[in-house]
Amino acid sequence: MAYLYEPPVNVTTATDMIGWINNTTSLWLFQGILGSIFVISLVVMLKNQENTASKSFAAASFVTMILSILARVLDLIPNSFMSLWIIMVGLSAIWMYVDGVK
């Protein structure tokens, strides 16, 4: 089934183009990008033998939270998705506390 979308109107800058793509994909473009950044940063941090799982999860969640706040300021993701990353940072802090990570 074909998806009917509005053609880009007055797309003159890169920000306009990203906004048009994001609206065409029903705000899933940057949610997918942020999810991918989280998974990639988590895997990269887990490869380091000095990092525990809780530290890696906390660092990946924090990086993604900062990027989600910036994306929300640019109106590229909904409030609920930004709130998800803020909650994940809180949960990772609790996990680190329970593990006794310093």
PDB file of N, CA and C in Angstrom:
ATOM      1  N   MET A   1       0.844  -1.162   0.000  1.00  0.00           N
ATOM      2  CA  MET A   1       0.000   0.000   0.000  1.00  0.00           C
ATOM      3  C   MET A   1       0.895   1.231   0.000  1.00  0.00           C
ATOM      4  N   ALA A   2       0.573   2.160  -0.844  1.00  0.00           N
ATOM      5  CA  ALA A   2       1.371   3.378  -0.977  1.00  0.00           C
ATOM      6  C   ALA A   2       1.055   4.320   0.172  1.00  0.00           C
ATOM      7  N   TYR A   3       2.087   5.017   0.620  1.00  0.00           N
ATOM      8  CA  TYR A   3       1.919   6.001   1.682  1.00  0.00           C
ATOM      9  C   TYR A   3       1.844   7.367   1.043  1.00  0.00           C
ATOM     10  N   LEU A   4       0.779   8.080   1.291  1.00  0.00           N
ATOM     11  CA  LEU A   4       0.629   9.417   0.723  1.00  0.00           C
ATOM     12  C   LEU A   4       1.201  10.436   1.689  1.00  0.00           C
ATOM     13  N   TYR A   5       2.091  11.239   1.208  1.00  0.00           N
ATOM     14  CA  TYR A   5       2.710  12.255   2.040  1.00  0.00           C
ATOM     15  C   TYR A   5       2.749  13.565   1.281  1.00  0.00           C
ATOM     16  N   GLU A   6       2.880  14.635   2.029  1.00  0.00           N
ATOM     17  CA  GLU A   6       2.970  15.944   1.410  1.00  0.00           C
ATOM     18  C   GLU A   6       4.375  16.147   0.865  1.00  0.00           C
ATOM     19  N   PRO A   7       4.489  16.686  -0.325  1.00  0.00           N
ATOM     20  CA  PRO A   7       5.827  16.967  -0.834  1.00  0.00           C
ATOM     21  C   PRO A   7       6.457  18.099  -0.032  1.00  0.00           C
ATOM     22  N   PRO A   8       7.786  18.112   0.036  1.00  0.00           N
ATOM     23  CA  PRO A   8       8.432  19.170   0.822  1.00  0.00           C
ATOM     24  C   PRO A   8       8.138  20.547   0.242  1.00  0.00           C
ATOM     25  N   VAL A   9       7.739  21.447   1.106  1.00  0.00           N
ATOM     26  CA  VAL A   9       7.440  22.813   0.705  1.00  0.00           C
ATOM     27  C   VAL A   9       8.414  23.734   1.411  1.00  0.00           C
ATOM     28  N   ASN A  10       9.094  24.549   0.663  1.00  0.00           N
ATOM     29  CA  ASN A  10      10.038  25.526   1.205  1.00  0.00           C
ATOM     30  C   ASN A  10      11.120  24.882   2.061  1.00  0.00           C
ATOM     31  N   VAL A  11      11.640  23.775   1.632  1.00  0.00           N
ATOM     32  CA  VAL A  11      12.753  23.137   2.320  1.00  0.00           C
ATOM     33  C   VAL A  11      14.022  23.773   1.772  1.00  0.00           C
ATOM     34  N   THR A  12      14.585  24.685   2.564  1.00  0.00           N
ATOM     35  CA  THR A  12      15.752  25.426   2.085  1.00  0.00           C
ATOM     36  C   THR A  12      17.005  25.142   2.899  1.00  0.00           C
ATOM     37  N   THR A  13      16.841  24.573   4.081  1.00  0.00           N
ATOM     38  CA  THR A  13      18.013  24.300   4.928  1.00  0.00           C
ATOM     39  C   THR A  13      18.013  22.823   5.329  1.00  0.00           C
ATOM     40  N   ALA A  14      19.133  22.401   5.877  1.00  0.00           N
ATOM     41  CA  ALA A  14      19.249  21.021   6.338  1.00  0.00           C
ATOM     42  C   ALA A  14      18.269  20.751   7.484  1.00  0.00           C
ATOM     43  N   THR A  15      18.050  21.736   8.351  1.00  0.00           N
ATOM     44  CA  THR A  15      17.120  21.577   9.462  1.00  0.00           C
ATOM     45  C   THR A  15      15.692  21.380   8.950  1.00  0.00           C
ATOM     46  N   ASP A  16      15.328  22.129   7.909  1.00  0.00           N
ATOM     47  CA  ASP A  16      14.002  21.950   7.310  1.00  0.00           C
ATOM     48  C   ASP A  16      13.845  20.546   6.725  1.00  0.00           C
ATOM     49  N   MET A  17      14.891  20.061   6.075  1.00  0.00           N
ATOM     50  CA  MET A  17      14.831  18.733   5.471  1.00  0.00           C
ATOM     51  C   MET A  17      14.700  17.653   6.544  1.00  0.00           C
ATOM     52  N   ILE A  18      15.472  17.779   7.621  1.00  0.00           N
ATOM     53  CA  ILE A  18      15.383  16.804   8.709  1.00  0.00           C
ATOM     54  C   ILE A  18      14.000  16.856   9.341  1.00  0.00           C
ATOM     55  N   GLY A  19      13.467  18.060   9.517  1.00  0.00           N
ATOM     56  CA  GLY A  19      12.121  18.194  10.073  1.00  0.00           C
ATOM     57  C   GLY A  19      11.068  17.575   9.178  1.00  0.00           C
ATOM     58  N   TRP A  20      11.210  17.743   7.865  1.00  0.00           N
ATOM     59  CA  TRP A  20      10.254  17.147   6.927  1.00  0.00           C
ATOM     60  C   TRP A  20      10.334  15.625   6.965  1.00  0.00           C
ATOM     61  N   ILE A  21      11.553  15.081   6.965  1.00  0.00           N
ATOM     62  CA  ILE A  21      11.713  13.627   7.035  1.00  0.00           C
ATOM     63  C   ILE A  21      11.125  13.092   8.334  1.00  0.00           C
ATOM     64  N   ASN A  22      11.378  13.798   9.422  1.00  0.00           N
ATOM     65  CA  ASN A  22      10.876  13.362  10.722  1.00  0.00           C
ATOM     66  C   ASN A  22       9.348  13.387  10.756  1.00  0.00           C
ATOM     67  N   ASN A  23       8.742  14.416  10.186  1.00  0.00           N
ATOM     68  CA  ASN A  23       7.277  14.474  10.146  1.00  0.00           C
ATOM     69  C   ASN A  23       6.704  13.414   9.221  1.00  0.00           C
ATOM     70  N   THR A  24       7.395  13.123   8.143  1.00  0.00           N
ATOM     71  CA  THR A  24       6.921  12.098   7.210  1.00  0.00           C
ATOM     72  C   THR A  24       6.947  10.716   7.854  1.00  0.00           C
ATOM     73  N   THR A  25       7.926  10.465   8.713  1.00  0.00           N
ATOM     74  CA  THR A  25       8.037   9.171   9.383  1.00  0.00           C
ATOM     75  C   THR A  25       7.331   9.156  10.736  1.00  0.00           C
ATOM     76  N   SER A  26       6.455  10.111  10.979  1.00  0.00           N
ATOM     77  CA  SER A  26       5.683  10.205  12.228  1.00  0.00           C
ATOM     78  C   SER A  26       6.585  10.251  13.458  1.00  0.00           C
ATOM     79  N   LEU A  27       7.622  11.050  13.400  1.00  0.00           N
ATOM     80  CA  LEU A  27       8.585  11.287  14.493  1.00  0.00           C
ATOM     81  C   LEU A  27       9.428  10.064  14.834  1.00  0.00           C
ATOM     82  N   TRP A  28       9.483   9.056  13.967  1.00  0.00           N
ATOM     83  CA  TRP A  28      10.260   7.856  14.255  1.00  0.00           C
ATOM     84  C   TRP A  28      11.720   7.964  13.832  1.00  0.00           C
ATOM     85  N   LEU A  29      12.075   8.944  13.023  1.00  0.00           N
ATOM     86  CA  LEU A  29      13.453   9.060  12.551  1.00  0.00           C
ATOM     87  C   LEU A  29      14.412   9.260  13.722  1.00  0.00           C
ATOM     88  N   PHE A  30      14.185  10.280  14.515  1.00  0.00           N
ATOM     89  CA  PHE A  30      15.118  10.557  15.607  1.00  0.00           C
ATOM     90  C   PHE A  30      14.954   9.605  16.771  1.00  0.00           C
ATOM     91  N   GLN A  31      13.778   9.025  16.938  1.00  0.00           N
ATOM     92  CA  GLN A  31      13.647   8.001  17.963  1.00  0.00           C
ATOM     93  C   GLN A  31      14.503   6.796  17.601  1.00  0.00           C
ATOM     94  N   GLY A  32      14.522   6.441  16.339  1.00  0.00           N
ATOM     95  CA  GLY A  32      15.382   5.347  15.881  1.00  0.00           C
ATOM     96  C   GLY A  32      16.852   5.683  15.986  1.00  0.00           C
ATOM     97  N   ILE A  33      17.199   6.926  15.662  1.00  0.00           N
ATOM     98  CA  ILE A  33      18.599   7.353  15.770  1.00  0.00           C
ATOM     99  C   ILE A  33      19.056   7.309  17.223  1.00  0.00           C
ATOM    100  N   LEU A  34      18.231   7.813  18.136  1.00  0.00           N
ATOM    101  CA  LEU A  34      18.607   7.796  19.553  1.00  0.00           C
ATOM    102  C   LEU A  34      18.685   6.377  20.097  1.00  0.00           C
ATOM    103  N   GLY A  35      17.777   5.526  19.697  1.00  0.00           N
ATOM    104  CA  GLY A  35      17.840   4.120  20.121  1.00  0.00           C
ATOM    105  C   GLY A  35      19.098   3.445  19.609  1.00  0.00           C
ATOM    106  N   SER A  36      19.475   3.743  18.385  1.00  0.00           N
ATOM    107  CA  SER A  36      20.701   3.165  17.820  1.00  0.00           C
ATOM    108  C   SER A  36      21.939   3.672  18.537  1.00  0.00           C
ATOM    109  N   ILE A  37      21.950   4.963  18.855  1.00  0.00           N
ATOM    110  CA  ILE A  37      23.081   5.527  19.597  1.00  0.00           C
ATOM    111  C   ILE A  37      23.203   4.864  20.961  1.00  0.00           C
ATOM    112  N   PHE A  38      22.057   4.612  21.623  1.00  0.00           N
ATOM    113  CA  PHE A  38      22.093   3.956  22.923  1.00  0.00           C
ATOM    114  C   PHE A  38      22.683   2.556  22.822  1.00  0.00           C
ATOM    115  N   VAL A  39      22.206   1.776  21.866  1.00  0.00           N
ATOM    116  CA  VAL A  39      22.687   0.391  21.727  1.00  0.00           C
ATOM    117  C   VAL A  39      24.175   0.367  21.380  1.00  0.00           C
ATOM    118  N   ILE A  40      24.592   1.200  20.442  1.00  0.00           N
ATOM    119  CA  ILE A  40      26.000   1.223  20.034  1.00  0.00           C
ATOM    120  C   ILE A  40      26.897   1.660  21.186  1.00  0.00           C
ATOM    121  N   SER A  41      26.506   2.712  21.900  1.00  0.00           N
ATOM    122  CA  SER A  41      27.348   3.169  23.018  1.00  0.00           C
ATOM    123  C   SER A  41      27.362   2.146  24.153  1.00  0.00           C
ATOM    124  N   LEU A  42      26.253   1.453  24.379  1.00  0.00           N
ATOM    125  CA  LEU A  42      26.231   0.420  25.410  1.00  0.00           C
ATOM    126  C   LEU A  42      27.172  -0.722  25.060  1.00  0.00           C
ATOM    127  N   VAL A  43      27.136  -1.176  23.820  1.00  0.00           N
ATOM    128  CA  VAL A  43      28.004  -2.273  23.394  1.00  0.00           C
ATOM    129  C   VAL A  43      29.470  -1.856  23.456  1.00  0.00           C
ATOM    130  N   VAL A  44      29.766  -0.654  23.023  1.00  0.00           N
ATOM    131  CA  VAL A  44      31.159  -0.176  23.054  1.00  0.00           C
ATOM    132  C   VAL A  44      31.663  -0.085  24.493  1.00  0.00           C
ATOM    133  N   MET A  45      30.836   0.403  25.398  1.00  0.00           N
ATOM    134  CA  MET A  45      31.257   0.534  26.790  1.00  0.00           C
ATOM    135  C   MET A  45      31.351  -0.815  27.488  1.00  0.00           C
ATOM    136  N   LEU A  46      30.539  -1.766  27.084  1.00  0.00           N
ATOM    137  CA  LEU A  46      30.617  -3.108  27.685  1.00  0.00           C
ATOM    138  C   LEU A  46      31.880  -3.850  27.264  1.00  0.00           C
ATOM    139  N   LYS A  47      32.461  -3.484  26.137  1.00  0.00           N
ATOM    140  CA  LYS A  47      33.691  -4.139  25.689  1.00  0.00           C
ATOM    141  C   LYS A  47      34.874  -3.825  26.589  1.00  0.00           C
ATOM    142  N   ASN A  48      34.827  -2.682  27.260  1.00  0.00           N
ATOM    143  CA  ASN A  48      35.895  -2.318  28.191  1.00  0.00           C
ATOM    144  C   ASN A  48      35.770  -3.176  29.449  1.00  0.00           C
ATOM    145  N   GLN A  49      36.815  -3.909  29.783  1.00  0.00           N
ATOM    146  CA  GLN A  49      36.776  -4.841  30.916  1.00  0.00           C
ATOM    147  C   GLN A  49      36.612  -4.134  32.257  1.00  0.00           C
ATOM    148  N   GLU A  50      37.001  -2.859  32.336  1.00  0.00           N
ATOM    149  CA  GLU A  50      36.900  -2.130  33.603  1.00  0.00           C
ATOM    150  C   GLU A  50      35.477  -1.685  33.917  1.00  0.00           C
ATOM    151  N   ASN A  51      34.634  -1.612  32.914  1.00  0.00           N
ATOM    152  CA  ASN A  51      33.264  -1.161  33.123  1.00  0.00           C
ATOM    153  C   ASN A  51      32.355  -2.318  33.518  1.00  0.00           C
ATOM    154  N   THR A  52      31.539  -2.083  34.517  1.00  0.00           N
ATOM    155  CA  THR A  52      30.509  -3.049  34.868  1.00  0.00           C
ATOM    156  C   THR A  52      29.287  -2.796  33.988  1.00  0.00           C
ATOM    157  N   ALA A  53      28.351  -3.693  34.025  1.00  0.00           N
ATOM    158  CA  ALA A  53      27.134  -3.517  33.225  1.00  0.00           C
ATOM    159  C   ALA A  53      26.359  -2.289  33.677  1.00  0.00           C
ATOM    160  N   SER A  54      26.314  -2.052  34.974  1.00  0.00           N
ATOM    161  CA  SER A  54      25.555  -0.901  35.472  1.00  0.00           C
ATOM    162  C   SER A  54      26.211   0.414  35.071  1.00  0.00           C
ATOM    163  N   LYS A  55      27.544   0.471  35.105  1.00  0.00           N
ATOM    164  CA  LYS A  55      28.239   1.688  34.680  1.00  0.00           C
ATOM    165  C   LYS A  55      28.046   1.936  33.192  1.00  0.00           C
ATOM    166  N   SER A  56      28.116   0.885  32.402  1.00  0.00           N
ATOM    167  CA  SER A  56      27.931   1.033  30.961  1.00  0.00           C
ATOM    168  C   SER A  56      26.513   1.480  30.631  1.00  0.00           C
ATOM    169  N   PHE A  57      25.544   0.883  31.311  1.00  0.00           N
ATOM    170  CA  PHE A  57      24.150   1.256  31.089  1.00  0.00           C
ATOM    171  C   PHE A  57      23.915   2.707  31.497  1.00  0.00           C
ATOM    172  N   ALA A  58      24.500   3.124  32.613  1.00  0.00           N
ATOM    173  CA  ALA A  58      24.326   4.500  33.081  1.00  0.00           C
ATOM    174  C   ALA A  58      24.951   5.495  32.112  1.00  0.00           C
ATOM    175  N   ALA A  59      26.151   5.200  31.632  1.00  0.00           N
ATOM    176  CA  ALA A  59      26.819   6.116  30.708  1.00  0.00           C
ATOM    177  C   ALA A  59      26.070   6.212  29.385  1.00  0.00           C
ATOM    178  N   ALA A  60      25.639   5.068  28.859  1.00  0.00           N
ATOM    179  CA  ALA A  60      24.896   5.075  27.595  1.00  0.00           C
ATOM    180  C   ALA A  60      23.559   5.798  27.755  1.00  0.00           C
ATOM    181  N   SER A  61      22.892   5.592  28.875  1.00  0.00           N
ATOM    182  CA  SER A  61      21.625   6.273  29.130  1.00  0.00           C
ATOM    183  C   SER A  61      21.829   7.775  29.268  1.00  0.00           C
ATOM    184  N   PHE A  62      22.911   8.176  29.930  1.00  0.00           N
ATOM    185  CA  PHE A  62      23.172   9.605  30.128  1.00  0.00           C
ATOM    186  C   PHE A  62      23.456  10.300  28.799  1.00  0.00           C
ATOM    187  N   VAL A  63      24.281   9.681  27.967  1.00  0.00           N
ATOM    188  CA  VAL A  63      24.590  10.268  26.659  1.00  0.00           C
ATOM    189  C   VAL A  63      23.315  10.397  25.828  1.00  0.00           C
ATOM    190  N   THR A  64      22.510   9.367  25.835  1.00  0.00           N
ATOM    191  CA  THR A  64      21.275   9.387  25.056  1.00  0.00           C
ATOM    192  C   THR A  64      20.287  10.388  25.639  1.00  0.00           C
ATOM    193  N   MET A  65      20.264  10.556  26.961  1.00  0.00           N
ATOM    194  CA  MET A  65      19.376  11.538  27.576  1.00  0.00           C
ATOM    195  C   MET A  65      19.752  12.952  27.131  1.00  0.00           C
ATOM    196  N   ILE A  66      21.044  13.259  27.137  1.00  0.00           N
ATOM    197  CA  ILE A  66      21.489  14.590  26.710  1.00  0.00           C
ATOM    198  C   ILE A  66      21.090  14.836  25.253  1.00  0.00           C
ATOM    199  N   LEU A  67      21.309  13.840  24.398  1.00  0.00           N
ATOM    200  CA  LEU A  67      20.939  13.991  22.994  1.00  0.00           C
ATOM    201  C   LEU A  67      19.425  14.095  22.818  1.00  0.00           C
ATOM    202  N   SER A  68      18.661  13.395  23.663  1.00  0.00           N
ATOM    203  CA  SER A  68      17.207  13.478  23.553  1.00  0.00           C
ATOM    204  C   SER A  68      16.694  14.844  24.001  1.00  0.00           C
ATOM    205  N   ILE A  69      17.342  15.444  24.975  1.00  0.00           N
ATOM    206  CA  ILE A  69      16.953  16.801  25.388  1.00  0.00           C
ATOM    207  C   ILE A  69      17.216  17.784  24.251  1.00  0.00           C
ATOM    208  N   LEU A  70      18.365  17.644  23.599  1.00  0.00           N
ATOM    209  CA  LEU A  70      18.652  18.516  22.462  1.00  0.00           C
ATOM    210  C   LEU A  70      17.654  18.289  21.321  1.00  0.00           C
ATOM    211  N   ALA A  71      17.313  17.027  21.071  1.00  0.00           N
ATOM    212  CA  ALA A  71      16.343  16.732  20.016  1.00  0.00           C
ATOM    213  C   ALA A  71      14.961  17.268  20.381  1.00  0.00           C
ATOM    214  N   ARG A  72      14.619  17.260  21.658  1.00  0.00           N
ATOM    215  CA  ARG A  72      13.322  17.786  22.090  1.00  0.00           C
ATOM    216  C   ARG A  72      13.285  19.298  21.939  1.00  0.00           C
ATOM    217  N   VAL A  73      14.390  19.965  22.242  1.00  0.00           N
ATOM    218  CA  VAL A  73      14.448  21.418  22.071  1.00  0.00           C
ATOM    219  C   VAL A  73      14.230  21.774  20.602  1.00  0.00           C
ATOM    220  N   LEU A  74      14.754  20.946  19.704  1.00  0.00           N
ATOM    221  CA  LEU A  74      14.572  21.169  18.268  1.00  0.00           C
ATOM    222  C   LEU A  74      13.241  20.630  17.767  1.00  0.00           C
ATOM    223  N   ASP A  75      12.410  20.090  18.670  1.00  0.00           N
ATOM    224  CA  ASP A  75      11.086  19.551  18.366  1.00  0.00           C
ATOM    225  C   ASP A  75      11.161  18.386  17.379  1.00  0.00           C
ATOM    226  N   LEU A  76      12.132  17.505  17.598  1.00  0.00           N
ATOM    227  CA  LEU A  76      12.307  16.345  16.736  1.00  0.00           C
ATOM    228  C   LEU A  76      11.800  15.054  17.352  1.00  0.00           C
ATOM    229  N   ILE A  77      11.535  15.059  18.661  1.00  0.00           N
ATOM    230  CA  ILE A  77      10.980  13.892  19.343  1.00  0.00           C
ATOM    231  C   ILE A  77       9.889  14.367  20.292  1.00  0.00           C
ATOM    232  N   PRO A  78       8.960  13.495  20.654  1.00  0.00           N
ATOM    233  CA  PRO A  78       7.910  13.887  21.601  1.00  0.00           C
ATOM    234  C   PRO A  78       8.431  13.895  23.047  1.00  0.00           C
ATOM    235  N   ASN A  79       7.676  14.547  23.910  1.00  0.00           N
ATOM    236  CA  ASN A  79       8.052  14.622  25.330  1.00  0.00           C
ATOM    237  C   ASN A  79       8.165  13.244  25.964  1.00  0.00           C
ATOM    238  N   SER A  80       7.306  12.333  25.566  1.00  0.00           N
ATOM    239  CA  SER A  80       7.296  11.010  26.194  1.00  0.00           C
ATOM    240  C   SER A  80       8.598  10.256  25.936  1.00  0.00           C
ATOM    241  N   PHE A  81       9.177  10.424  24.755  1.00  0.00           N
ATOM    242  CA  PHE A  81      10.429   9.730  24.449  1.00  0.00           C
ATOM    243  C   PHE A  81      11.591  10.334  25.225  1.00  0.00           C
ATOM    244  N   MET A  82      11.584  11.655  25.395  1.00  0.00           N
ATOM    245  CA  MET A  82      12.608  12.293  26.215  1.00  0.00           C
ATOM    246  C   MET A  82      12.464  11.841  27.670  1.00  0.00           C
ATOM    247  N   SER A  83      11.237  11.744  28.152  1.00  0.00           N
ATOM    248  CA  SER A  83      10.994  11.298  29.521  1.00  0.00           C
ATOM    249  C   SER A  83      11.478   9.873  29.739  1.00  0.00           C
ATOM    250  N   LEU A  84      11.352   9.038  28.712  1.00  0.00           N
ATOM    251  CA  LEU A  84      11.841   7.661  28.807  1.00  0.00           C
ATOM    252  C   LEU A  84      13.330   7.635  29.127  1.00  0.00           C
ATOM    253  N   TRP A  85      14.133   8.455  28.461  1.00  0.00           N
ATOM    254  CA  TRP A  85      15.577   8.458  28.704  1.00  0.00           C
ATOM    255  C   TRP A  85      15.911   9.057  30.067  1.00  0.00           C
ATOM    256  N   ILE A  86      15.135  10.033  30.515  1.00  0.00           N
ATOM    257  CA  ILE A  86      15.361  10.582  31.859  1.00  0.00           C
ATOM    258  C   ILE A  86      15.072   9.510  32.910  1.00  0.00           C
ATOM    259  N   ILE A  87      14.013   8.746  32.726  1.00  0.00           N
ATOM    260  CA  ILE A  87      13.688   7.650  33.652  1.00  0.00           C
ATOM    261  C   ILE A  87      14.774   6.585  33.616  1.00  0.00           C
ATOM    262  N   MET A  88      15.301   6.289  32.423  1.00  0.00           N
ATOM    263  CA  MET A  88      16.362   5.283  32.322  1.00  0.00           C
ATOM    264  C   MET A  88      17.631   5.721  33.045  1.00  0.00           C
ATOM    265  N   VAL A  89      17.939   7.002  33.030  1.00  0.00           N
ATOM    266  CA  VAL A  89      19.092   7.497  33.791  1.00  0.00           C
ATOM    267  C   VAL A  89      18.842   7.320  35.281  1.00  0.00           C
ATOM    268  N   GLY A  90      17.622   7.603  35.727  1.00  0.00           N
ATOM    269  CA  GLY A  90      17.293   7.397  37.133  1.00  0.00           C
ATOM    270  C   GLY A  90      17.383   5.935  37.539  1.00  0.00           C
ATOM    271  N   LEU A  91      16.872   5.053  36.692  1.00  0.00           N
ATOM    272  CA  LEU A  91      16.964   3.624  36.985  1.00  0.00           C
ATOM    273  C   LEU A  91      18.410   3.136  36.985  1.00  0.00           C
ATOM    274  N   SER A  92      19.219   3.680  36.101  1.00  0.00           N
ATOM    275  CA  SER A  92      20.624   3.265  36.075  1.00  0.00           C
ATOM    276  C   SER A  92      21.367   3.761  37.311  1.00  0.00           C
ATOM    277  N   ALA A  93      20.978   4.926  37.840  1.00  0.00           N
ATOM    278  CA  ALA A  93      21.590   5.409  39.077  1.00  0.00           C
ATOM    279  C   ALA A  93      21.229   4.486  40.240  1.00  0.00           C
ATOM    280  N   ILE A  94      19.980   4.037  40.275  1.00  0.00           N
ATOM    281  CA  ILE A  94      19.568   3.096  41.316  1.00  0.00           C
ATOM    282  C   ILE A  94      20.318   1.776  41.171  1.00  0.00           C
ATOM    283  N   TRP A  95      20.476   1.294  39.942  1.00  0.00           N
ATOM    284  CA  TRP A  95      21.200   0.055  39.688  1.00  0.00           C
ATOM    285  C   TRP A  95      22.655   0.172  40.124  1.00  0.00           C
ATOM    286  N   MET A  96      23.273   1.305  39.852  1.00  0.00           N
ATOM    287  CA  MET A  96      24.659   1.501  40.289  1.00  0.00           C
ATOM    288  C   MET A  96      24.756   1.542  41.811  1.00  0.00           C
ATOM    289  N   TYR A  97      23.765   2.163  42.471  1.00  0.00           N
ATOM    290  CA  TYR A  97      23.758   2.217  43.926  1.00  0.00           C
ATOM    291  C   TYR A  97      23.635   0.823  44.518  1.00  0.00           C
ATOM    292  N   VAL A  98      22.748   0.016  43.947  1.00  0.00           N
ATOM    293  CA  VAL A  98      22.539  -1.349  44.435  1.00  0.00           C
ATOM    294  C   VAL A  98      23.808  -2.199  44.231  1.00  0.00           C
ATOM    295  N   ASP A  99      24.480  -2.011  43.097  1.00  0.00           N
ATOM    296  CA  ASP A  99      25.723  -2.740  42.819  1.00  0.00           C
ATOM    297  C   ASP A  99      26.903  -2.243  43.652  1.00  0.00           C
ATOM    298  N   GLY A 100      26.773  -1.069  44.241  1.00  0.00           N
ATOM    299  CA  GLY A 100      27.867  -0.503  45.029  1.00  0.00           C
ATOM    300  C   GLY A 100      28.983   0.051  44.182  1.00  0.00           C
ATOM    301  N   VAL A 101      28.664   0.518  42.984  1.00  0.00           N
ATOM    302  CA  VAL A 101      29.678   1.075  42.090  1.00  0.00           C
ATOM    303  C   VAL A 101      30.062   2.461  42.577  1.00  0.00           C
ATOM    304  N   LYS A 102      31.381   2.712  42.555  1.00  0.00           N
ATOM    305  CA  LYS A 102      31.865   4.036  42.979  1.00  0.00           C
ATOM    306  C   LYS A 102      32.516   4.732  41.843  1.00  0.00           C
TER     307      LYS A 102
END
